[in-house]
Amino acid sequence: MRNDIFIALGASVLGLSVGCSSAHVSGDPAAGIYDLSARGEADRCSPARATGSMGAAYVVTSGDVLGVAVPDPTRGTMLHVSLSRPTGYHDVSTVNLRGCTGASLERTFTVLETTSESVSVAYRERWIGMESCGEAMRALMPAAPGADCDADMIFDYALTEACGASCEVGLLASGPTCLCD
């Protein structure tokens, strides 16, 4: 398997798009590479959720959907989240935790604000049934809390490189990049 695994994330591949919403979207963010930082609002988990600089992440926009990369505490990688205008730029998803009987992680995402160069997303994670998790799961997922809990955070994205009209956002083993014709 090659180290430079490539996944095209451009609007043409994913059909992603974003428009204006009087409630949350004040400007269309540029598709491109963003510096992602996380700030904790209320954290009732132990260990505490990671905050501060999260590194490079992507934002893909076009039409009625905003696609963002977010940290995934279940895999230690980035997760793609699509937030659409018809849902108020809001999404809730639940994933069952491997190695835990009946345990799950519920994640809620809501766009707070966008400009042409920034995006802010409210994030809540709710861990349920953690008493069923054994040491094997803890080794696979060290960021998982030891007991049921929830945490509220804000993900702030600041544009570092816009991808031009003839470009798409791509994901290489080294991270997100602009791929141009």
Protein backbone atom coordinates (compact mmCIF):
# COMPACT_ATOMS: atom_id res chain seq x y z
CA MET A 1 0.00 0.00 0.00
CA ARG A 2 1.42 3.39 -0.95
CA ASN A 3 2.23 6.00 1.70
CA ASP A 4 0.71 8.81 -0.36
CA ILE A 5 -2.87 7.60 -0.31
CA PHE A 6 -4.91 10.15 -2.22
CA ILE A 7 -8.55 10.92 -1.68
CA ALA A 8 -10.06 13.70 -3.76
CA LEU A 9 -12.24 15.95 -1.65
CA GLY A 10 -13.15 18.55 -4.22
CA ALA A 11 -16.63 19.83 -4.84
CA SER A 12 -16.87 17.82 -8.05
CA VAL A 13 -16.13 14.54 -6.24
CA LEU A 14 -18.21 15.07 -3.12
CA GLY A 15 -20.85 17.41 -4.49
CA LEU A 16 -20.30 19.68 -1.49
CA SER A 17 -21.59 23.20 -1.40
CA VAL A 18 -22.55 26.01 0.95
CA GLY A 19 -24.71 29.07 0.60
CA CYS A 20 -25.90 31.81 2.89
CA SER A 21 -28.07 31.25 5.92
CA SER A 22 -29.28 34.18 7.92
CA ALA A 23 -28.86 32.15 11.11
CA HIS A 24 -25.28 30.92 10.73
CA VAL A 25 -23.52 31.64 7.45
CA SER A 26 -22.52 35.26 6.93
CA GLY A 27 -20.07 34.63 4.08
CA ASP A 28 -19.02 31.71 1.92
CA PRO A 29 -15.73 30.38 3.27
CA ALA A 30 -13.10 29.72 0.63
CA ALA A 31 -12.44 26.08 -0.16
CA GLY A 32 -8.94 25.33 1.02
CA ILE A 33 -6.54 24.56 3.82
CA TYR A 34 -7.26 26.01 7.25
CA ASP A 35 -5.45 26.12 10.58
CA LEU A 36 -7.76 24.34 13.04
CA SER A 37 -7.80 25.14 16.73
CA ALA A 38 -10.08 23.79 19.45
CA ARG A 39 -11.18 25.59 22.56
CA GLY A 40 -13.01 23.99 25.44
CA GLU A 41 -16.27 25.51 26.62
CA ALA A 42 -17.28 22.92 29.23
CA ASP A 43 -15.46 19.62 29.68
CA ARG A 44 -16.82 17.05 32.11
CA CYS A 45 -14.59 14.22 30.81
CA SER A 46 -11.45 12.64 32.21
CA PRO A 47 -9.04 12.73 30.54
CA ALA A 48 -9.98 16.21 29.31
CA ARG A 49 -10.55 16.74 25.60
CA ALA A 50 -7.58 18.05 23.63
CA THR A 51 -7.58 21.80 22.95
CA GLY A 52 -5.27 24.25 21.22
CA SER A 53 -3.81 23.93 17.74
CA MET A 54 -4.99 20.84 15.87
CA GLY A 55 -2.93 21.52 12.72
CA ALA A 56 -4.04 21.71 9.11
CA ALA A 57 -7.61 20.81 8.16
CA TYR A 58 -9.73 21.36 5.08
CA VAL A 59 -12.96 23.20 4.36
CA VAL A 60 -14.87 22.46 1.15
CA THR A 61 -17.76 24.67 0.07
CA SER A 62 -20.20 25.06 -2.80
CA GLY A 63 -24.01 25.47 -2.83
CA ASP A 64 -25.87 24.25 0.26
CA VAL A 65 -23.26 22.09 2.05
CA LEU A 66 -20.20 22.99 4.11
CA GLY A 67 -17.69 20.14 4.48
CA VAL A 68 -15.11 20.32 7.27
CA ALA A 69 -12.45 18.05 8.73
CA VAL A 70 -12.77 17.55 12.50
CA PRO A 71 -10.68 15.58 15.00
CA ASP A 72 -12.03 12.07 15.60
CA PRO A 73 -11.29 10.82 19.14
CA THR A 74 -12.27 7.27 18.15
CA ARG A 75 -9.54 6.94 15.50
CA GLY A 76 -6.96 9.64 16.22
CA THR A 77 -7.45 11.01 12.69
CA MET A 78 -9.67 13.58 11.00
CA LEU A 79 -13.31 12.89 10.22
CA HIS A 80 -15.24 14.49 7.34
CA VAL A 81 -18.48 16.20 8.42
CA SER A 82 -21.02 17.64 5.96
CA LEU A 83 -23.32 20.34 7.30
CA SER A 84 -26.14 21.53 5.04
CA ARG A 85 -28.40 24.56 4.88
CA PRO A 86 -31.64 22.48 5.02
CA THR A 87 -30.54 21.13 8.43
CA GLY A 88 -29.52 24.59 9.68
CA TYR A 89 -25.85 23.68 9.27
CA HIS A 90 -26.32 21.17 12.11
CA ASP A 91 -25.74 17.42 12.40
CA VAL A 92 -25.91 14.76 15.11
CA SER A 93 -24.32 11.35 14.65
CA THR A 94 -23.77 8.38 16.93
CA VAL A 95 -21.09 5.73 16.58
CA ASN A 96 -20.90 2.49 18.55
CA LEU A 97 -17.52 2.02 20.20
CA ARG A 98 -15.54 -1.06 19.18
CA GLY A 99 -14.68 -3.30 22.09
CA CYS A 100 -17.44 -1.93 24.33
CA THR A 101 -20.84 -3.56 24.77
CA GLY A 102 -23.52 -0.90 24.33
CA ALA A 103 -21.11 2.07 24.50
CA SER A 104 -21.43 4.91 22.03
CA LEU A 105 -20.20 8.38 21.20
CA GLU A 106 -22.78 10.95 20.16
CA ARG A 107 -21.35 13.96 18.29
CA THR A 108 -23.21 17.19 17.56
CA PHE A 109 -21.93 19.84 15.13
CA THR A 110 -23.44 23.29 14.52
CA VAL A 111 -21.95 26.07 12.40
CA LEU A 112 -21.78 29.23 14.50
CA GLU A 113 -20.27 31.66 12.02
CA THR A 114 -18.52 31.81 8.67
CA THR A 115 -16.66 34.49 6.76
CA SER A 116 -14.66 34.25 3.55
CA GLU A 117 -11.60 33.30 5.65
CA SER A 118 -12.92 31.57 8.77
CA VAL A 119 -15.41 29.08 10.12
CA SER A 120 -16.49 28.41 13.73
CA VAL A 121 -18.29 25.17 14.61
CA ALA A 122 -19.81 24.28 17.99
CA TYR A 123 -19.07 20.68 18.89
CA ARG A 124 -20.43 18.45 21.64
CA GLU A 125 -19.40 14.92 22.35
CA ARG A 126 -21.38 12.69 24.68
CA TRP A 127 -19.84 9.38 25.77
CA ILE A 128 -22.40 6.75 26.90
CA GLY A 129 -21.92 3.25 28.40
CA MET A 130 -18.21 3.62 29.09
CA GLU A 131 -18.32 1.20 32.05
CA SER A 132 -18.51 -1.64 29.49
CA CYS A 133 -15.14 -0.75 27.97
CA GLY A 134 -12.12 -2.87 28.80
CA GLU A 135 -8.38 -2.31 28.68
CA ALA A 136 -8.13 -3.43 25.04
CA MET A 137 -10.41 -0.56 23.98
CA ARG A 138 -8.44 1.88 26.13
CA ALA A 139 -5.24 0.86 24.32
CA LEU A 140 -6.92 1.44 20.94
CA MET A 141 -8.58 4.70 21.97
CA PRO A 142 -6.50 6.44 24.68
CA ALA A 143 -8.49 9.71 24.36
CA ALA A 144 -11.68 7.94 25.47
CA PRO A 145 -12.89 8.98 28.92
CA GLY A 146 -13.01 6.51 31.80
CA ALA A 147 -16.70 7.14 32.52
CA ASP A 148 -19.82 8.55 30.87
CA CYS A 149 -19.45 12.29 30.27
CA ASP A 150 -19.92 15.14 27.81
CA ALA A 151 -17.79 18.01 26.56
CA ASP A 152 -18.60 21.21 24.64
CA MET A 153 -15.99 22.75 22.38
CA ILE A 154 -15.60 25.28 19.57
CA PHE A 155 -13.58 24.41 16.46
CA ASP A 156 -12.14 27.55 14.84
CA TYR A 157 -10.83 27.35 11.27
CA ALA A 158 -8.57 30.14 9.91
CA LEU A 159 -7.73 30.13 6.20
CA THR A 160 -4.07 29.56 5.37
CA GLU A 161 -4.37 28.62 1.66
CA ALA A 162 -7.38 29.06 -0.60
CA CYS A 163 -7.72 26.54 -3.42
CA GLY A 164 -8.40 28.31 -6.74
CA ALA A 165 -11.42 27.73 -8.97
CA SER A 166 -9.58 25.10 -11.06
CA CYS A 167 -8.39 23.28 -7.93
CA GLU A 168 -9.86 20.81 -5.50
CA VAL A 169 -8.95 19.99 -1.93
CA GLY A 170 -7.13 16.67 -1.69
CA LEU A 171 -5.91 14.60 1.20
CA LEU A 172 -2.44 13.08 1.05
CA ALA A 173 -0.68 11.06 3.74
CA SER A 174 1.06 14.32 4.71
CA GLY A 175 -2.26 16.17 5.12
CA PRO A 176 -4.67 18.32 3.11
CA THR A 177 -3.47 20.12 -0.01
CA CYS A 178 -4.76 22.07 -3.02
CA LEU A 179 -4.60 20.01 -6.21
CA CYS A 180 -4.77 22.10 -9.36
CA ASP A 181 -5.12 21.19 -13.04
